[in-house]
Amino acid sequence: MRIDLAKGGCMSSGNMFSVYGRMTALPGRRDELIAALVDGLRACGDDSGLLTYSISTALDDQDTIWLTQLWIDKEAHDATTRSEPVAAVTSRVPPLLAEQPEGFYGNAVHVHGRTAES
């Protein structure tokens, strides 16, 4: 199942898997952390089941970022994040972190919106 959020897709599904993460980079290394995360997300590939993602900077801490991902289901997330290409890129992340990342997971029940490609 695929939805095209770029065209304003709207869908309700209890199977879509949501990932929310908070990461704090070592002082002055936030941009490197963001670059490593973008590379890891791009390594997922177009057919991975990753519907959309965003990386945001925190307003109150220049070293903190928030990562949001929406997947078609948990199985797609698990298979992709354990794949060799993604693991190779994400191994660059831990040395950039000031502390253990926080992660939160859930099932999206309704999605609507538009996303921008970069």
C-alpha atoms as a PDB file:
ATOM      1  CA  MET A   1       0.000   0.000   0.000  1.00  0.00           C
ATOM      2  CA  ARG A   2       1.391   3.404  -1.008  1.00  0.00           C
ATOM      3  CA  ILE A   3       0.031   6.890  -0.567  1.00  0.00           C
ATOM      4  CA  ASP A   4       1.368   9.899  -2.356  1.00  0.00           C
ATOM      5  CA  LEU A   5       1.543  12.630   0.250  1.00  0.00           C
ATOM      6  CA  ALA A   6       3.157  14.933  -2.306  1.00  0.00           C
ATOM      7  CA  LYS A   7      -0.246  15.076  -4.016  1.00  0.00           C
ATOM      8  CA  GLY A   8      -2.142  15.700  -0.797  1.00  0.00           C
ATOM      9  CA  GLY A   9      -3.018  12.056  -0.166  1.00  0.00           C
ATOM     10  CA  CYS A  10      -5.297  11.302   2.719  1.00  0.00           C
ATOM     11  CA  MET A  11      -5.721   7.938   4.341  1.00  0.00           C
ATOM     12  CA  SER A  12      -6.646   6.301   7.600  1.00  0.00           C
ATOM     13  CA  SER A  13      -4.838   3.133   8.563  1.00  0.00           C
ATOM     14  CA  GLY A  14      -3.888   1.584  11.849  1.00  0.00           C
ATOM     15  CA  ASN A  15      -0.997  -0.251  10.167  1.00  0.00           C
ATOM     16  CA  MET A  16       1.176   2.731   9.243  1.00  0.00           C
ATOM     17  CA  PHE A  17       4.158   2.872  11.586  1.00  0.00           C
ATOM     18  CA  SER A  18       5.370   6.171  13.045  1.00  0.00           C
ATOM     19  CA  VAL A  19       8.821   6.894  14.427  1.00  0.00           C
ATOM     20  CA  TYR A  20       9.630  10.009  16.439  1.00  0.00           C
ATOM     21  CA  GLY A  21      13.151  10.586  17.629  1.00  0.00           C
ATOM     22  CA  ARG A  22      15.074  13.200  19.534  1.00  0.00           C
ATOM     23  CA  MET A  23      18.834  13.376  19.134  1.00  0.00           C
ATOM     24  CA  THR A  24      21.360  15.758  20.629  1.00  0.00           C
ATOM     25  CA  ALA A  25      24.597  16.209  18.741  1.00  0.00           C
ATOM     26  CA  LEU A  26      27.932  16.949  20.280  1.00  0.00           C
ATOM     27  CA  PRO A  27      28.414  20.739  20.418  1.00  0.00           C
ATOM     28  CA  GLY A  28      28.928  22.114  16.912  1.00  0.00           C
ATOM     29  CA  ARG A  29      28.220  18.755  15.179  1.00  0.00           C
ATOM     30  CA  ARG A  30      24.482  19.127  14.506  1.00  0.00           C
ATOM     31  CA  ASP A  31      24.895  19.680  10.759  1.00  0.00           C
ATOM     32  CA  GLU A  32      27.055  16.554  10.485  1.00  0.00           C
ATOM     33  CA  LEU A  33      24.382  14.583  12.333  1.00  0.00           C
ATOM     34  CA  ILE A  34      21.688  15.886   9.998  1.00  0.00           C
ATOM     35  CA  ALA A  35      23.802  14.981   6.944  1.00  0.00           C
ATOM     36  CA  ALA A  36      24.342  11.434   8.258  1.00  0.00           C
ATOM     37  CA  LEU A  37      20.615  11.012   8.910  1.00  0.00           C
ATOM     38  CA  VAL A  38      19.698  12.283   5.440  1.00  0.00           C
ATOM     39  CA  ASP A  39      22.215   9.873   3.887  1.00  0.00           C
ATOM     40  CA  GLY A  40      20.720   7.024   5.926  1.00  0.00           C
ATOM     41  CA  LEU A  41      17.175   7.888   4.906  1.00  0.00           C
ATOM     42  CA  ARG A  42      18.202   8.135   1.248  1.00  0.00           C
ATOM     43  CA  ALA A  43      19.917   4.734   1.539  1.00  0.00           C
ATOM     44  CA  CYS A  44      16.496   3.265   2.323  1.00  0.00           C
ATOM     45  CA  GLY A  45      15.584   3.418  -1.363  1.00  0.00           C
ATOM     46  CA  ASP A  46      12.347   4.390  -3.069  1.00  0.00           C
ATOM     47  CA  ASP A  47      10.645   1.030  -2.493  1.00  0.00           C
ATOM     48  CA  SER A  48      11.496   0.664   1.194  1.00  0.00           C
ATOM     49  CA  GLY A  49       8.080   1.542   2.552  1.00  0.00           C
ATOM     50  CA  LEU A  50       9.227   4.876   3.979  1.00  0.00           C
ATOM     51  CA  LEU A  51       6.399   7.242   3.028  1.00  0.00           C
ATOM     52  CA  THR A  52       7.797  10.478   4.390  1.00  0.00           C
ATOM     53  CA  TYR A  53      10.264  11.864   6.896  1.00  0.00           C
ATOM     54  CA  SER A  54      11.277  15.171   8.383  1.00  0.00           C
ATOM     55  CA  ILE A  55      14.300  16.361  10.300  1.00  0.00           C
ATOM     56  CA  SER A  56      13.737  19.468  12.386  1.00  0.00           C
ATOM     57  CA  THR A  57      16.012  21.575  14.538  1.00  0.00           C
ATOM     58  CA  ALA A  58      14.895  22.379  18.068  1.00  0.00           C
ATOM     59  CA  LEU A  59      14.100  26.006  18.754  1.00  0.00           C
ATOM     60  CA  ASP A  60      15.474  25.893  22.282  1.00  0.00           C
ATOM     61  CA  ASP A  61      18.725  23.938  21.739  1.00  0.00           C
ATOM     62  CA  GLN A  62      21.060  24.437  18.786  1.00  0.00           C
ATOM     63  CA  ASP A  63      22.418  20.876  19.068  1.00  0.00           C
ATOM     64  CA  THR A  64      19.081  19.015  19.217  1.00  0.00           C
ATOM     65  CA  ILE A  65      17.139  17.651  16.266  1.00  0.00           C
ATOM     66  CA  TRP A  66      13.798  15.871  15.944  1.00  0.00           C
ATOM     67  CA  LEU A  67      13.318  13.077  13.411  1.00  0.00           C
ATOM     68  CA  THR A  68       9.871  11.967  12.248  1.00  0.00           C
ATOM     69  CA  GLN A  69       9.261   9.032   9.920  1.00  0.00           C
ATOM     70  CA  LEU A  70       6.094   7.464   8.526  1.00  0.00           C
ATOM     71  CA  TRP A  71       6.307   3.908   7.179  1.00  0.00           C
ATOM     72  CA  ILE A  72       3.736   1.709   5.456  1.00  0.00           C
ATOM     73  CA  ASP A  73       4.099  -0.714   8.386  1.00  0.00           C
ATOM     74  CA  LYS A  74       6.499  -1.837  11.108  1.00  0.00           C
ATOM     75  CA  GLU A  75       7.779  -4.728   9.006  1.00  0.00           C
ATOM     76  CA  ALA A  76       8.972  -2.347   6.274  1.00  0.00           C
ATOM     77  CA  HIS A  77      10.721  -0.214   8.901  1.00  0.00           C
ATOM     78  CA  ASP A  78      12.428  -3.187  10.523  1.00  0.00           C
ATOM     79  CA  ALA A  79      13.577  -4.736   7.237  1.00  0.00           C
ATOM     80  CA  THR A  80      14.925  -1.463   5.880  1.00  0.00           C
ATOM     81  CA  THR A  81      16.703  -0.269   8.991  1.00  0.00           C
ATOM     82  CA  ARG A  82      18.456  -3.644   9.288  1.00  0.00           C
ATOM     83  CA  SER A  83      19.565  -3.627   5.652  1.00  0.00           C
ATOM     84  CA  GLU A  84      23.258  -3.424   4.800  1.00  0.00           C
ATOM     85  CA  PRO A  85      23.106  -0.046   2.956  1.00  0.00           C
ATOM     86  CA  VAL A  86      21.257   1.681   5.795  1.00  0.00           C
ATOM     87  CA  ALA A  87      23.389   0.093   8.534  1.00  0.00           C
ATOM     88  CA  ALA A  88      26.562   1.219   6.768  1.00  0.00           C
ATOM     89  CA  VAL A  89      25.433   4.840   6.732  1.00  0.00           C
ATOM     90  CA  THR A  90      23.843   4.950  10.178  1.00  0.00           C
ATOM     91  CA  SER A  91      27.031   3.670  11.785  1.00  0.00           C
ATOM     92  CA  ARG A  92      28.246   7.269  11.342  1.00  0.00           C
ATOM     93  CA  VAL A  93      25.606   8.569  13.777  1.00  0.00           C
ATOM     94  CA  PRO A  94      26.701   7.382  17.277  1.00  0.00           C
ATOM     95  CA  PRO A  95      30.066   9.231  17.310  1.00  0.00           C
ATOM     96  CA  LEU A  96      28.174  12.484  16.647  1.00  0.00           C
ATOM     97  CA  LEU A  97      25.804  12.134  19.626  1.00  0.00           C
ATOM     98  CA  ALA A  98      26.173  13.844  22.996  1.00  0.00           C
ATOM     99  CA  GLU A  99      23.714  11.436  24.617  1.00  0.00           C
ATOM    100  CA  GLN A 100      21.600   8.371  23.921  1.00  0.00           C
ATOM    101  CA  PRO A 101      18.799   9.202  21.437  1.00  0.00           C
ATOM    102  CA  GLU A 102      15.184   9.049  22.538  1.00  0.00           C
ATOM    103  CA  GLY A 103      12.742   7.157  20.331  1.00  0.00           C
ATOM    104  CA  PHE A 104       8.978   6.873  20.362  1.00  0.00           C
ATOM    105  CA  TYR A 105       6.896   4.601  18.165  1.00  0.00           C
ATOM    106  CA  GLY A 106       3.249   4.343  17.235  1.00  0.00           C
ATOM    107  CA  ASN A 107       0.668   3.545  14.591  1.00  0.00           C
ATOM    108  CA  ALA A 108      -0.625   6.447  12.521  1.00  0.00           C
ATOM    109  CA  VAL A 109      -4.411   6.443  12.388  1.00  0.00           C
ATOM    110  CA  HIS A 110      -4.852   9.312   9.940  1.00  0.00           C
ATOM    111  CA  VAL A 111      -2.449  11.026   7.583  1.00  0.00           C
ATOM    112  CA  HIS A 112      -3.066  14.024   5.390  1.00  0.00           C
ATOM    113  CA  GLY A 113      -0.695  16.545   3.940  1.00  0.00           C
ATOM    114  CA  ARG A 114       1.784  17.617   1.380  1.00  0.00           C
ATOM    115  CA  THR A 115       5.514  17.117   1.523  1.00  0.00           C
ATOM    116  CA  ALA A 116       8.373  18.761  -0.302  1.00  0.00           C
ATOM    117  CA  GLU A 117      11.175  16.858  -2.008  1.00  0.00           C
ATOM    118  CA  SER A 118      14.708  18.085  -1.442  1.00  0.00           C
END
